[in-house]
Protein backbone atom coordinates (compact mmCIF):
# COMPACT_ATOMS: atom_id res chain seq x y z
CA UNK A 1 1.31 8.24 -22.06
CA UNK A 2 3.64 11.10 -23.01
CA UNK A 3 6.25 12.09 -20.44
CA UNK A 4 9.97 12.33 -19.78
CA UNK A 5 11.75 9.00 -19.19
CA UNK A 6 12.61 9.30 -15.46
CA UNK A 7 10.13 11.49 -13.65
CA UNK A 8 11.61 11.43 -10.15
CA UNK A 9 14.37 13.73 -11.44
CA UNK A 10 11.90 16.24 -12.86
CA UNK A 11 8.82 16.00 -10.66
CA UNK A 12 10.12 14.42 -7.47
CA UNK A 13 11.21 15.44 -3.98
CA UNK A 14 13.78 13.02 -2.54
CA UNK A 15 15.41 12.42 0.82
CA UNK A 16 17.89 9.87 2.17
CA UNK A 17 17.71 8.53 5.73
CA UNK A 18 19.82 6.08 7.71
CA UNK A 19 17.00 3.56 8.24
CA UNK A 20 15.01 1.27 5.97
CA UNK A 21 11.46 2.18 4.98
CA UNK A 22 8.98 -0.31 6.44
CA UNK A 23 5.73 1.23 5.17
CA UNK A 24 4.30 4.43 3.73
CA UNK A 25 0.71 5.70 3.91
CA UNK A 26 -1.05 9.03 3.33
CA UNK A 27 -3.11 10.74 6.00
CA UNK A 28 -6.86 10.85 5.41
CA UNK A 29 -6.68 14.47 4.21
CA UNK A 30 -4.13 13.51 1.56
CA UNK A 31 -1.77 16.28 2.65
CA UNK A 32 1.02 14.31 4.31
CA UNK A 33 2.82 11.04 3.59
CA UNK A 34 3.99 9.12 6.65
CA UNK A 35 7.01 6.79 6.38
CA UNK A 36 7.57 4.14 9.08
CA UNK A 37 11.30 3.54 9.47
CA UNK A 38 13.27 0.64 10.83
CA UNK A 39 14.90 2.70 13.59
CA UNK A 40 11.58 3.45 15.33
CA UNK A 41 11.04 6.90 13.84
CA UNK A 42 8.25 8.20 11.64
CA UNK A 43 9.13 10.61 8.84
CA UNK A 44 6.46 12.99 7.57
CA UNK A 45 6.65 14.56 4.11
CA UNK A 46 4.21 17.27 3.08
CA UNK A 47 2.45 16.70 -0.22
CA UNK A 48 2.26 20.43 -0.91
CA UNK A 49 5.27 21.92 -2.69
CA UNK A 50 5.02 25.69 -3.04
CA UNK A 51 7.15 26.74 -5.97
CA UNK A 52 7.59 23.13 -7.03
CA UNK A 53 7.80 21.77 -10.58
CA UNK A 54 4.68 21.97 -12.72
CA UNK A 55 3.40 21.08 -16.15
CA UNK A 56 2.62 23.66 -18.80
CA UNK A 57 0.57 22.82 -21.92
CA UNK A 58 2.33 23.29 -25.26
CA UNK A 59 0.57 25.14 -28.04
CA UNK A 60 1.42 22.26 -30.36
CA UNK A 61 -0.03 19.74 -27.93
CA UNK A 62 1.33 17.79 -25.00
CA UNK A 63 2.99 19.29 -21.94
CA UNK A 64 6.38 20.48 -20.80
CA UNK A 65 7.91 20.54 -17.33
CA UNK A 66 8.57 23.88 -15.67
CA UNK A 67 11.43 23.41 -13.21
CA UNK A 68 11.00 23.99 -9.48
CA UNK A 69 11.51 27.56 -8.28
CA UNK A 70 11.97 26.55 -4.64
CA UNK A 71 13.16 23.44 -2.76
CA UNK A 72 10.60 21.07 -1.19
CA UNK A 73 9.72 21.40 2.46
CA UNK A 74 12.17 19.54 4.71
CA UNK A 75 11.34 16.09 6.00
CA UNK A 76 10.06 16.04 9.59
CA UNK A 77 11.18 13.05 11.67
CA UNK A 78 9.87 11.96 15.06
CA UNK A 79 11.02 9.27 17.48
CA UNK A 80 7.98 7.08 18.21
CA UNK A 81 9.21 3.57 19.09
CA UNK A 82 12.16 2.40 21.13
CA UNK A 83 12.95 -0.35 18.62
CA UNK A 84 11.53 -0.77 15.12
CA UNK A 85 8.33 0.47 13.50
CA UNK A 86 6.53 -2.65 12.31
CA UNK A 87 3.23 -1.29 11.01
CA UNK A 88 1.61 1.99 9.99
CA UNK A 89 -1.88 3.20 9.03
CA UNK A 90 -3.57 6.55 8.54
CA UNK A 91 -5.69 7.41 11.56
CA UNK A 92 -9.36 8.36 11.06
CA UNK A 93 -8.87 11.17 13.61
CA UNK A 94 -6.00 12.60 11.56
CA UNK A 95 -2.32 11.77 11.51
CA UNK A 96 -1.03 8.22 11.78
CA UNK A 97 -1.13 5.20 14.07
CA UNK A 98 1.90 2.94 14.30
CA UNK A 99 2.88 -0.31 16.01
CA UNK A 100 6.36 -1.36 17.04
CA UNK A 101 8.46 -4.11 18.58
CA UNK A 102 8.31 -2.19 21.87
CA UNK A 103 4.65 -3.25 22.20
CA UNK A 104 3.39 0.32 21.78
CA UNK A 105 0.55 1.53 19.58
CA UNK A 106 1.07 5.26 19.04
CA UNK A 107 -1.04 7.98 17.43
CA UNK A 108 1.20 10.60 15.81
CA UNK A 109 -0.44 13.85 14.75
CA UNK A 110 0.75 15.91 11.80
CA UNK A 111 2.21 18.54 14.16
CA UNK A 112 4.50 15.92 15.71
CA UNK A 113 2.66 15.46 19.01
CA UNK A 114 1.79 11.89 19.94
CA UNK A 115 -0.14 9.80 22.41
CA UNK A 116 0.01 6.18 23.51
CA UNK A 117 -3.12 4.33 22.35
CA UNK A 118 -2.31 0.84 23.66
CA UNK A 119 0.58 -1.10 25.16
CA UNK A 120 1.16 -4.84 24.81
CA UNK A 121 3.86 -5.33 27.42
CA UNK A 122 6.50 -7.85 26.40
CA UNK A 123 5.01 -8.36 22.93
CA UNK A 124 5.26 -6.91 19.45
CA UNK A 125 2.48 -5.02 17.69
CA UNK A 126 2.96 -6.52 14.25
CA UNK A 127 0.04 -5.09 12.28
CA UNK A 128 -2.39 -2.19 12.47
CA UNK A 129 -5.48 -1.29 10.44
CA UNK A 130 -7.90 1.62 10.42
CA UNK A 131 -11.03 2.45 8.47
CA UNK A 132 -12.68 5.65 7.24
CA UNK A 133 -15.62 4.71 9.46
CA UNK A 134 -13.37 5.21 12.50
CA UNK A 135 -12.32 1.62 13.19
CA UNK A 136 -8.95 0.82 14.73
CA UNK A 137 -7.44 -2.62 15.17
CA UNK A 138 -4.03 -4.06 15.90
CA UNK A 139 -2.49 -7.53 16.06
CA UNK A 140 0.02 -8.93 18.50
CA UNK A 141 0.84 -12.56 17.79
CA UNK A 142 -2.31 -14.68 18.06
CA UNK A 143 -4.37 -11.80 19.43
CA UNK A 144 -6.22 -9.14 17.47
CA UNK A 145 -7.61 -6.17 19.39
CA UNK A 146 -10.54 -4.06 18.26
CA UNK A 147 -10.53 -0.55 19.71
CA UNK A 148 -13.68 1.52 20.08
CA UNK A 149 -16.67 2.06 22.29
CA UNK A 150 -16.70 -1.68 23.04
CA UNK A 151 -13.10 -2.94 22.91
CA UNK A 152 -12.75 -6.63 22.09
CA UNK A 153 -10.00 -9.21 21.65
CA UNK A 154 -10.03 -12.12 19.22
CA UNK A 155 -7.79 -15.18 19.71
CA UNK A 156 -6.64 -16.73 16.45
CA UNK A 157 -5.54 -20.29 15.63
CA UNK A 158 -2.22 -18.86 14.41
CA UNK A 159 -0.34 -15.58 14.45
CA UNK A 160 -1.93 -12.79 12.44
CA UNK A 161 0.04 -11.96 9.30
CA UNK A 162 -2.00 -8.98 8.05
CA UNK A 163 -5.11 -6.91 8.79
CA UNK A 164 -7.37 -5.08 6.33
CA UNK A 165 -10.75 -3.36 6.64
CA UNK A 166 -13.14 -3.47 3.71
CA UNK A 167 -13.94 -0.18 1.98
CA UNK A 168 -17.06 0.39 4.09
CA UNK A 169 -15.21 -0.36 7.32
CA UNK A 170 -17.80 -2.97 8.33
CA UNK A 171 -15.50 -6.01 8.30
CA UNK A 172 -11.91 -6.70 9.30
CA UNK A 173 -10.03 -9.43 7.43
CA UNK A 174 -7.23 -11.18 9.32
CA UNK A 175 -4.89 -13.54 7.50
CA UNK A 176 -3.10 -16.41 9.26
CA UNK A 177 -2.04 -20.00 8.72
CA UNK A 178 -4.96 -22.02 7.40
CA UNK A 179 -7.02 -19.16 5.98
CA UNK A 180 -8.58 -15.81 6.79
CA UNK A 181 -10.90 -14.75 9.60
CA UNK A 182 -13.54 -12.06 9.03
CA UNK A 183 -14.57 -10.01 12.06
CA UNK A 184 -17.77 -7.95 11.79
CA UNK A 185 -17.62 -4.38 13.12
CA UNK A 186 -21.18 -4.23 14.42
CA UNK A 187 -21.65 -7.66 16.01
CA UNK A 188 -17.98 -8.78 16.39
CA UNK A 189 -19.06 -12.13 14.99
CA UNK A 190 -16.45 -14.23 13.22
CA UNK A 191 -16.52 -15.96 9.85
CA UNK A 192 -13.83 -18.45 8.97
CA UNK A 193 -12.55 -18.68 5.39
CA UNK A 194 -10.48 -21.84 5.48
CA UNK A 195 -7.86 -22.84 2.94
CA UNK A 196 -4.71 -24.94 3.58
CA UNK A 197 -1.46 -23.03 3.58
CA UNK A 198 0.20 -19.97 5.01
CA UNK A 199 -1.66 -16.78 4.12
CA UNK A 200 0.59 -13.71 4.30
CA UNK A 201 -1.58 -10.75 3.24
CA UNK A 202 -5.09 -9.84 2.16
CA UNK A 203 -6.81 -7.42 -0.24
CA UNK A 204 -10.49 -6.50 -0.58
CA UNK A 205 -12.15 -5.68 -3.88
CA UNK A 206 -13.63 -2.15 -3.77
CA UNK A 207 -17.21 -3.49 -3.71
CA UNK A 208 -16.44 -5.94 -0.88
CA UNK A 209 -17.53 -8.97 -2.92
CA UNK A 210 -14.08 -10.56 -3.18
CA UNK A 211 -11.26 -11.16 -0.75
CA UNK A 212 -7.85 -12.38 -1.92
CA UNK A 213 -4.85 -13.57 0.08
CA UNK A 214 -1.24 -13.94 -0.99
CA UNK A 215 0.25 -17.22 0.13
CA UNK A 216 3.72 -18.41 1.05
CA UNK A 217 3.09 -21.30 -1.34
CA UNK A 218 3.61 -18.97 -4.36
CA UNK A 219 -0.08 -18.63 -5.06
CA UNK A 220 -3.16 -16.54 -4.40
CA UNK A 221 -6.42 -17.74 -2.99
CA UNK A 222 -9.65 -15.83 -3.31
CA UNK A 223 -13.17 -16.03 -1.95
CA UNK A 224 -16.39 -14.78 -3.50
CA UNK A 225 -17.95 -13.71 -0.25
CA UNK A 226 -21.70 -13.73 -1.06
CA UNK A 227 -21.66 -17.50 -1.63
CA UNK A 228 -18.24 -18.50 -0.24
CA UNK A 229 -16.94 -19.81 -3.58
CA UNK A 230 -13.18 -20.43 -3.79
CA UNK A 231 -10.93 -18.96 -6.49
CA UNK A 232 -7.51 -20.55 -7.00
CA UNK A 233 -4.76 -18.50 -8.66
CA UNK A 234 -1.33 -20.09 -8.93
CA UNK A 235 1.72 -20.38 -11.14
CA UNK A 236 3.88 -17.74 -9.45
CA UNK A 237 7.68 -18.08 -9.43
CA UNK A 238 7.78 -16.24 -6.08
CA UNK A 239 5.54 -15.18 -3.22
CA UNK A 240 2.90 -12.55 -4.13
CA UNK A 241 3.55 -10.33 -1.11
CA UNK A 242 2.00 -7.13 -2.54
CA UNK A 243 -1.64 -7.01 -3.73
CA UNK A 244 -3.66 -4.07 -5.07
CA UNK A 245 -7.11 -3.88 -6.66
CA UNK A 246 -7.86 -1.35 -9.37
CA UNK A 247 -10.20 1.47 -8.39
CA UNK A 248 -13.06 -0.01 -10.45
CA UNK A 249 -12.40 -3.53 -9.14
CA UNK A 250 -11.90 -4.95 -12.64
CA UNK A 251 -8.44 -6.34 -11.99
CA UNK A 252 -6.06 -7.29 -9.18
CA UNK A 253 -2.36 -6.48 -9.56
CA UNK A 254 0.25 -8.44 -7.61
CA UNK A 255 3.96 -8.94 -7.14
CA UNK A 256 5.46 -12.43 -7.24
CA UNK A 257 6.84 -12.34 -10.79
CA UNK A 258 9.35 -10.55 -12.95
CA UNK A 259 6.56 -8.20 -14.05
CA UNK A 260 3.30 -7.12 -12.40
CA UNK A 261 0.77 -9.96 -12.62
CA UNK A 262 -2.84 -8.89 -13.26
CA UNK A 263 -5.97 -11.02 -12.76
CA UNK A 264 -9.39 -10.11 -14.11
CA UNK A 265 -12.21 -9.62 -11.58
CA UNK A 266 -15.06 -8.48 -13.81
CA UNK A 267 -16.03 -11.19 -12.82
CA UNK A 268 -13.18 -13.71 -12.62
CA UNK A 269 -13.57 -16.86 -14.69
CA UNK A 270 -12.43 -20.30 -13.65
CA UNK A 271 -10.23 -20.64 -16.77
CA UNK A 272 -8.98 -17.07 -16.99
CA UNK A 273 -5.21 -16.71 -17.21
CA UNK A 274 -3.43 -13.68 -15.80
CA UNK A 275 -1.57 -11.19 -17.95
CA UNK A 276 1.59 -9.29 -17.12
CA UNK A 277 2.57 -5.68 -17.62
CA UNK A 278 5.66 -3.64 -17.03
CA UNK A 279 9.24 -4.42 -18.00
CA UNK A 280 10.86 -7.77 -17.14
CA UNK A 281 14.34 -7.54 -15.74
CA UNK A 282 16.85 -9.43 -13.65
CA UNK A 283 15.08 -8.37 -10.43
CA UNK A 284 11.49 -9.39 -9.60
CA UNK A 285 8.67 -7.06 -8.62
CA UNK A 286 8.59 -6.14 -4.92
CA UNK A 287 5.59 -3.77 -4.67
CA UNK A 288 2.50 -2.82 -6.69
CA UNK A 289 0.03 0.02 -6.12
CA UNK A 290 -3.02 0.75 -8.29
CA UNK A 291 -3.97 4.36 -8.98
CA UNK A 292 -7.06 5.47 -7.00
CA UNK A 293 -8.92 6.60 -10.15
CA UNK A 294 -7.23 5.48 -13.37
CA UNK A 295 -6.31 2.02 -14.78
CA UNK A 296 -2.68 2.59 -13.90
CA UNK A 297 -0.25 0.55 -11.77
CA UNK A 298 2.89 1.73 -10.00
CA UNK A 299 5.36 -1.16 -10.03
CA UNK A 300 8.42 -1.28 -7.78
CA UNK A 301 11.24 -3.77 -8.25
CA UNK A 302 13.83 -5.41 -6.01
CA UNK A 303 16.40 -3.48 -8.07
CA UNK A 304 14.99 -0.19 -6.79
CA UNK A 305 13.38 0.77 -10.11
CA UNK A 306 9.80 2.11 -10.27
CA UNK A 307 7.58 2.43 -13.34
CA UNK A 308 3.97 2.99 -14.32
CA UNK A 309 2.09 0.66 -16.64
CA UNK A 310 -1.44 -0.09 -17.81
CA UNK A 311 -3.05 -3.54 -18.07
CA UNK A 312 -3.42 -4.52 -21.72
CA UNK A 313 -1.01 -1.83 -22.90
CA UNK A 314 2.67 -1.84 -23.79
CA UNK A 315 3.06 1.78 -22.61
CA UNK A 316 5.39 2.31 -19.67
CA UNK A 317 6.62 5.37 -17.85
CA UNK A 318 9.78 5.26 -15.74
CA UNK A 319 9.54 6.94 -12.35
CA UNK A 320 12.86 5.86 -10.87
CA UNK A 321 15.90 4.00 -12.11
CA UNK A 322 17.57 1.04 -10.45
CA UNK A 323 19.48 1.59 -7.23
CA UNK A 324 21.15 -0.29 -4.42
CA UNK A 325 18.09 -1.79 -2.71
CA UNK A 326 14.53 -2.96 -3.16
CA UNK A 327 11.46 -0.77 -3.26
CA UNK A 328 9.84 -1.61 0.09
CA UNK A 329 6.81 0.70 0.19
CA UNK A 330 4.59 2.66 -2.22
CA UNK A 331 1.30 4.55 -1.82
CA UNK A 332 -0.76 6.90 -3.98
CA UNK A 333 -2.25 10.00 -2.44
CA UNK A 334 -6.07 9.85 -2.25
CA UNK A 335 -6.41 12.19 -5.24
CA UNK A 336 -3.88 10.19 -7.27
CA UNK A 337 -1.71 13.25 -7.90
CA UNK A 338 1.32 12.08 -5.92
CA UNK A 339 3.14 8.78 -5.43
CA UNK A 340 5.11 8.18 -2.22
CA UNK A 341 7.80 5.51 -2.25
CA UNK A 342 10.58 4.17 -0.08
CA UNK A 343 13.40 1.63 -0.28
CA UNK A 344 15.18 -0.73 2.06
CA UNK A 345 18.24 1.53 1.90
CA UNK A 346 16.31 4.47 3.36
CA UNK A 347 15.50 6.44 0.22
CA UNK A 348 12.22 8.39 0.47
CA UNK A 349 10.49 10.23 -2.35
CA UNK A 350 7.30 11.98 -3.40
CA UNK A 351 6.68 12.14 -7.14
CA UNK A 352 4.09 14.62 -8.41
CA UNK A 353 2.04 13.03 -11.21
CA UNK A 354 -0.86 15.25 -12.32
CA UNK A 355 -3.51 13.90 -14.69
CA UNK A 356 -2.11 16.01 -17.53
CA UNK A 357 0.71 13.47 -17.86
CA UNK A 358 -1.70 10.84 -19.09
CA UNK A 359 -3.96 10.61 -22.10
CA UNK A 360 -6.92 9.43 -20.06
CA UNK A 361 -6.43 12.47 -17.78
CA UNK A 362 -7.45 14.81 -20.60
CA UNK A 363 -10.64 13.07 -21.63
CA UNK A 364 -14.12 14.49 -21.23
């Protein structure tokens, strides 16, 4: 990979707010990044920068950066929750759906108008999930609600800790103490995937064959869903709280170490050991996000630094230097051309990363 050392200064649009970033997601059209903030507001950043920086091919090979001719569009910020935003997802109808500690589930459109979708009086809406097939779900304590033509409620043995639809939108995975519950979209039947411990988050492989949870016990646990086989993945110095499968499903990247930890899933072997990529430092990894097309991982650290790396390669590309707080959220745009990121100190950024930056982007 050939590029300048710190790309946020050359190809990034940055803002500073007075509230921590809880989550960031892109809308389904890939035009707007939505940032859920700790003060109950949602900040929307447009992914289109007219007059922004661009890359120009050199006659001798490689590219050079042409500086921005105009500033980025201003950040739009909307008050959505009375307390804190706790969860955020892109909405299949456009815009975003967010949950808060005021018990409100709100649909915010890109133009700033909003509507109340559900209200759990006296409770928190801790997690939300949506699917491209139109599914919507949210969790409030032990209860998970499925919204649609036939609304349903599922009571769990413990509080839900995360929700995730598979790629097809046919199943909802719900992590909790003691394992993961699968909830089928068509029949609303349940399937229990039991494993001792406290499961904090879940990730689906792109083909839906594997499901992996990050555990409080500094380990991962996976299931091969066609036959229910268990996959144990341990040895972490910390909790793997961020999980991301590569676009081709060949590897799973996670936090939990001083560098990004990558496990093979093509297919996984019982004796396979993980490998690490990125730069080790004094601060551990806080977030990982795999590129939607290329074998490339965005790695955020508790120091505030962000870099790009490739499994099996020593190449790295620095996006952002260290700062005063941890990287708390990262998300690639659907086309992979922009990376949105946020920190606990309220820094927000979009970094424009066209394929021309990377060697594999010029193949074929």
